[in-house]
Amino acid sequence: MPLEIETTSPEATIAFARTVAPHLPPGPTLLIGNLAAGKTTFTKGIAAALGAAAESEVTSPTFALIHEYGDPVKLYHLDLYRLDTAREVYGLGIEDLLDARVPVLIEWGERFPEIWPPHTPRIRFTEPIPGHRRILCEGIPR
């Protein structure tokens, strides 16, 4: 059964992410939602819970495409919004990240379904009413 919650603040989204972090499998997890849906805010909680980075250090990788957090790396965070083809995604070295031994959170990855292994976990972000975020975790063991 998927895990689902509704949050009403960035702090609540971060707190929920902290509870999900220990259950994230290594390798890719798709973060699915519109612009400003809370994907990077959620990643702040994951990074902090994993000891990879302080919440304040986590930013959107929209222009960098990939952020690595931790030394050694404990979390990868990708944003594929600006890419148009699977070839561009592969050009990032995604094959190595598919085998990563740490969580790899991928924003806008649903645009390239042919890349991800079957049963890749997904975390969906929707806004049922203004100011509320519904977060649905699929394929993440509890």
C-alpha atoms as a PDB file:
ATOM      1  CA  MET A   1       0.000   0.000   0.000  1.00  0.00           C
ATOM      2  CA  PRO A   2       1.455   3.418  -0.946  1.00  0.00           C
ATOM      3  CA  LEU A   3       2.318   5.941   1.736  1.00  0.00           C
ATOM      4  CA  GLU A   4       0.404   9.212   1.372  1.00  0.00           C
ATOM      5  CA  ILE A   5       0.232  12.451   3.340  1.00  0.00           C
ATOM      6  CA  GLU A   6      -1.035  15.987   2.908  1.00  0.00           C
ATOM      7  CA  THR A   7       1.164  18.832   4.153  1.00  0.00           C
ATOM      8  CA  THR A   8       0.389  22.509   4.546  1.00  0.00           C
ATOM      9  CA  SER A   9       3.860  24.007   4.945  1.00  0.00           C
ATOM     10  CA  PRO A  10       7.429  23.534   3.729  1.00  0.00           C
ATOM     11  CA  GLU A  11       8.378  22.487   7.264  1.00  0.00           C
ATOM     12  CA  ALA A  12       5.773  19.707   7.238  1.00  0.00           C
ATOM     13  CA  THR A  13       7.001  18.535   3.815  1.00  0.00           C
ATOM     14  CA  ILE A  14      10.577  18.408   5.127  1.00  0.00           C
ATOM     15  CA  ALA A  15       9.480  16.558   8.275  1.00  0.00           C
ATOM     16  CA  PHE A  16       7.657  13.946   6.178  1.00  0.00           C
ATOM     17  CA  ALA A  17      10.700  13.533   3.930  1.00  0.00           C
ATOM     18  CA  ARG A  18      12.818  12.837   7.000  1.00  0.00           C
ATOM     19  CA  THR A  19      10.538   9.894   7.832  1.00  0.00           C
ATOM     20  CA  VAL A  20      10.758   8.552   4.272  1.00  0.00           C
ATOM     21  CA  ALA A  21      14.563   8.877   3.961  1.00  0.00           C
ATOM     22  CA  PRO A  22      15.549   5.683   5.798  1.00  0.00           C
ATOM     23  CA  HIS A  23      13.285   3.680   3.480  1.00  0.00           C
ATOM     24  CA  LEU A  24      14.559   5.045   0.167  1.00  0.00           C
ATOM     25  CA  PRO A  25      16.263   2.347  -1.851  1.00  0.00           C
ATOM     26  CA  PRO A  26      19.576   3.018  -3.569  1.00  0.00           C
ATOM     27  CA  GLY A  27      19.318   4.074  -7.208  1.00  0.00           C
ATOM     28  CA  PRO A  28      16.664   6.158  -8.923  1.00  0.00           C
ATOM     29  CA  THR A  29      13.473   7.494  -7.396  1.00  0.00           C
ATOM     30  CA  LEU A  30      11.362   9.783  -9.572  1.00  0.00           C
ATOM     31  CA  LEU A  31       9.968  12.980  -8.037  1.00  0.00           C
ATOM     32  CA  ILE A  32       6.860  13.838 -10.061  1.00  0.00           C
ATOM     33  CA  GLY A  33       4.968  17.112  -9.854  1.00  0.00           C
ATOM     34  CA  ASN A  34       4.441  20.515 -11.398  1.00  0.00           C
ATOM     35  CA  LEU A  35       6.807  23.435 -10.947  1.00  0.00           C
ATOM     36  CA  ALA A  36       6.895  24.543  -7.299  1.00  0.00           C
ATOM     37  CA  ALA A  37       5.145  21.342  -6.170  1.00  0.00           C
ATOM     38  CA  GLY A  38       7.608  20.760  -3.322  1.00  0.00           C
ATOM     39  CA  LYS A  39      10.116  18.379  -4.918  1.00  0.00           C
ATOM     40  CA  THR A  40      13.234  20.296  -3.857  1.00  0.00           C
ATOM     41  CA  THR A  41      11.746  21.049  -0.444  1.00  0.00           C
ATOM     42  CA  PHE A  42      11.191  17.315   0.009  1.00  0.00           C
ATOM     43  CA  THR A  43      14.803  16.679  -1.047  1.00  0.00           C
ATOM     44  CA  LYS A  44      15.969  19.018   1.728  1.00  0.00           C
ATOM     45  CA  GLY A  45      14.447  16.657   4.302  1.00  0.00           C
ATOM     46  CA  ILE A  46      15.913  13.579   2.629  1.00  0.00           C
ATOM     47  CA  ALA A  47      19.411  15.093   2.499  1.00  0.00           C
ATOM     48  CA  ALA A  48      19.271  16.193   6.126  1.00  0.00           C
ATOM     49  CA  ALA A  49      17.976  12.830   7.349  1.00  0.00           C
ATOM     50  CA  LEU A  50      20.710  10.964   5.468  1.00  0.00           C
ATOM     51  CA  GLY A  51      23.386  13.261   6.903  1.00  0.00           C
ATOM     52  CA  ALA A  52      24.278  14.320   3.369  1.00  0.00           C
ATOM     53  CA  ALA A  53      23.668  18.077   3.710  1.00  0.00           C
ATOM     54  CA  ALA A  54      21.945  20.650   5.857  1.00  0.00           C
ATOM     55  CA  GLU A  55      18.511  21.678   4.614  1.00  0.00           C
ATOM     56  CA  SER A  56      19.858  25.142   3.790  1.00  0.00           C
ATOM     57  CA  GLU A  57      22.521  23.650   1.480  1.00  0.00           C
ATOM     58  CA  VAL A  58      20.014  21.862  -0.776  1.00  0.00           C
ATOM     59  CA  THR A  59      18.991  23.821  -3.857  1.00  0.00           C
ATOM     60  CA  SER A  60      17.275  23.008  -7.117  1.00  0.00           C
ATOM     61  CA  PRO A  61      19.627  21.478  -9.686  1.00  0.00           C
ATOM     62  CA  THR A  62      17.678  23.053 -12.565  1.00  0.00           C
ATOM     63  CA  PHE A  63      20.754  24.666 -14.126  1.00  0.00           C
ATOM     64  CA  ALA A  64      23.505  22.414 -12.735  1.00  0.00           C
ATOM     65  CA  LEU A  65      21.398  19.314 -13.642  1.00  0.00           C
ATOM     66  CA  ILE A  66      23.041  17.195 -10.903  1.00  0.00           C
ATOM     67  CA  HIS A  67      23.858  17.971  -7.296  1.00  0.00           C
ATOM     68  CA  GLU A  68      25.884  15.589  -5.159  1.00  0.00           C
ATOM     69  CA  TYR A  69      25.445  15.758  -1.393  1.00  0.00           C
ATOM     70  CA  GLY A  70      27.792  14.300   1.197  1.00  0.00           C
ATOM     71  CA  ASP A  71      31.442  13.316   1.289  1.00  0.00           C
ATOM     72  CA  PRO A  72      31.470  10.541   0.328  1.00  0.00           C
ATOM     73  CA  VAL A  73      28.313  11.072  -1.720  1.00  0.00           C
ATOM     74  CA  LYS A  74      25.186   9.982   0.159  1.00  0.00           C
ATOM     75  CA  LEU A  75      22.578  11.451  -2.224  1.00  0.00           C
ATOM     76  CA  TYR A  76      22.301  12.556  -5.844  1.00  0.00           C
ATOM     77  CA  HIS A  77      19.621  15.068  -6.891  1.00  0.00           C
ATOM     78  CA  LEU A  78      18.886  15.569 -10.601  1.00  0.00           C
ATOM     79  CA  ASP A  79      16.591  17.905 -12.490  1.00  0.00           C
ATOM     80  CA  LEU A  80      15.916  16.886 -16.087  1.00  0.00           C
ATOM     81  CA  TYR A  81      13.481  19.727 -16.878  1.00  0.00           C
ATOM     82  CA  ARG A  82      15.817  21.414 -19.358  1.00  0.00           C
ATOM     83  CA  LEU A  83      16.655  18.224 -21.269  1.00  0.00           C
ATOM     84  CA  ASP A  84      14.679  17.171 -24.325  1.00  0.00           C
ATOM     85  CA  THR A  85      15.893  13.695 -25.263  1.00  0.00           C
ATOM     86  CA  ALA A  86      16.942  10.471 -23.596  1.00  0.00           C
ATOM     87  CA  ARG A  87      20.278  10.875 -25.354  1.00  0.00           C
ATOM     88  CA  GLU A  88      20.886  14.078 -23.384  1.00  0.00           C
ATOM     89  CA  VAL A  89      20.048  12.247 -20.162  1.00  0.00           C
ATOM     90  CA  TYR A  90      22.469   9.455 -21.012  1.00  0.00           C
ATOM     91  CA  GLY A  91      25.061  12.156 -21.700  1.00  0.00           C
ATOM     92  CA  LEU A  92      24.953  12.979 -17.986  1.00  0.00           C
ATOM     93  CA  GLY A  93      26.317   9.519 -17.211  1.00  0.00           C
ATOM     94  CA  ILE A  94      22.966   8.283 -15.929  1.00  0.00           C
ATOM     95  CA  GLU A  95      24.052   4.650 -16.345  1.00  0.00           C
ATOM     96  CA  ASP A  96      26.422   5.060 -13.396  1.00  0.00           C
ATOM     97  CA  LEU A  97      23.695   6.625 -11.290  1.00  0.00           C
ATOM     98  CA  LEU A  98      21.280   3.780 -12.040  1.00  0.00           C
ATOM     99  CA  ASP A  99      23.715   1.515 -10.197  1.00  0.00           C
ATOM    100  CA  ALA A 100      24.446   3.998  -7.418  1.00  0.00           C
ATOM    101  CA  ARG A 101      24.602   2.624  -3.921  1.00  0.00           C
ATOM    102  CA  VAL A 102      22.855   5.745  -2.643  1.00  0.00           C
ATOM    103  CA  PRO A 103      19.443   7.290  -3.367  1.00  0.00           C
ATOM    104  CA  VAL A 104      19.174   9.243  -6.623  1.00  0.00           C
ATOM    105  CA  LEU A 105      16.226  11.682  -6.581  1.00  0.00           C
ATOM    106  CA  ILE A 106      15.211  12.694 -10.092  1.00  0.00           C
ATOM    107  CA  GLU A 107      12.904  15.603 -10.898  1.00  0.00           C
ATOM    108  CA  TRP A 108      11.142  15.483 -14.279  1.00  0.00           C
ATOM    109  CA  GLY A 109      12.378  11.944 -14.911  1.00  0.00           C
ATOM    110  CA  GLU A 110       8.895  10.824 -15.922  1.00  0.00           C
ATOM    111  CA  ARG A 111       9.560  12.562 -19.251  1.00  0.00           C
ATOM    112  CA  PHE A 112      11.978   9.715 -20.106  1.00  0.00           C
ATOM    113  CA  PRO A 113      10.203   6.487 -19.070  1.00  0.00           C
ATOM    114  CA  GLU A 114      12.384   4.350 -21.343  1.00  0.00           C
ATOM    115  CA  ILE A 115      15.429   5.006 -19.143  1.00  0.00           C
ATOM    116  CA  TRP A 116      14.230   3.787 -15.750  1.00  0.00           C
ATOM    117  CA  PRO A 117      14.203   0.169 -14.587  1.00  0.00           C
ATOM    118  CA  PRO A 118      10.813  -1.470 -14.058  1.00  0.00           C
ATOM    119  CA  HIS A 119       9.290  -0.696 -10.675  1.00  0.00           C
ATOM    120  CA  THR A 120      11.353   2.471 -10.163  1.00  0.00           C
ATOM    121  CA  PRO A 121       9.934   4.160  -7.038  1.00  0.00           C
ATOM    122  CA  ARG A 122       7.932   7.332  -7.567  1.00  0.00           C
ATOM    123  CA  ILE A 123       6.996  10.163  -5.249  1.00  0.00           C
ATOM    124  CA  ARG A 124       4.116  12.235  -6.613  1.00  0.00           C
ATOM    125  CA  PHE A 125       3.381  15.797  -5.543  1.00  0.00           C
ATOM    126  CA  THR A 126       0.005  17.409  -6.194  1.00  0.00           C
ATOM    127  CA  GLU A 127      -1.760  20.494  -4.878  1.00  0.00           C
ATOM    128  CA  PRO A 128      -5.375  19.504  -4.173  1.00  0.00           C
ATOM    129  CA  ILE A 129      -6.131  23.007  -2.875  1.00  0.00           C
ATOM    130  CA  PRO A 130      -3.880  26.079  -2.709  1.00  0.00           C
ATOM    131  CA  GLY A 131      -1.336  25.830   0.080  1.00  0.00           C
ATOM    132  CA  HIS A 132      -1.711  22.060   0.475  1.00  0.00           C
ATOM    133  CA  ARG A 133       0.639  19.418  -0.919  1.00  0.00           C
ATOM    134  CA  ARG A 134      -0.412  15.819  -1.322  1.00  0.00           C
ATOM    135  CA  ILE A 135       2.626  13.543  -1.395  1.00  0.00           C
ATOM    136  CA  LEU A 136       2.180   9.950  -2.542  1.00  0.00           C
ATOM    137  CA  CYS A 137       5.105   7.515  -2.231  1.00  0.00           C
ATOM    138  CA  GLU A 138       4.868   4.503  -4.540  1.00  0.00           C
ATOM    139  CA  GLY A 139       7.273   1.571  -4.532  1.00  0.00           C
ATOM    140  CA  ILE A 140       9.116   2.575  -1.373  1.00  0.00           C
ATOM    141  CA  PRO A 141       9.278  -0.219   1.182  1.00  0.00           C
ATOM    142  CA  ARG A 142       8.298   0.601   4.749  1.00  0.00           C
END
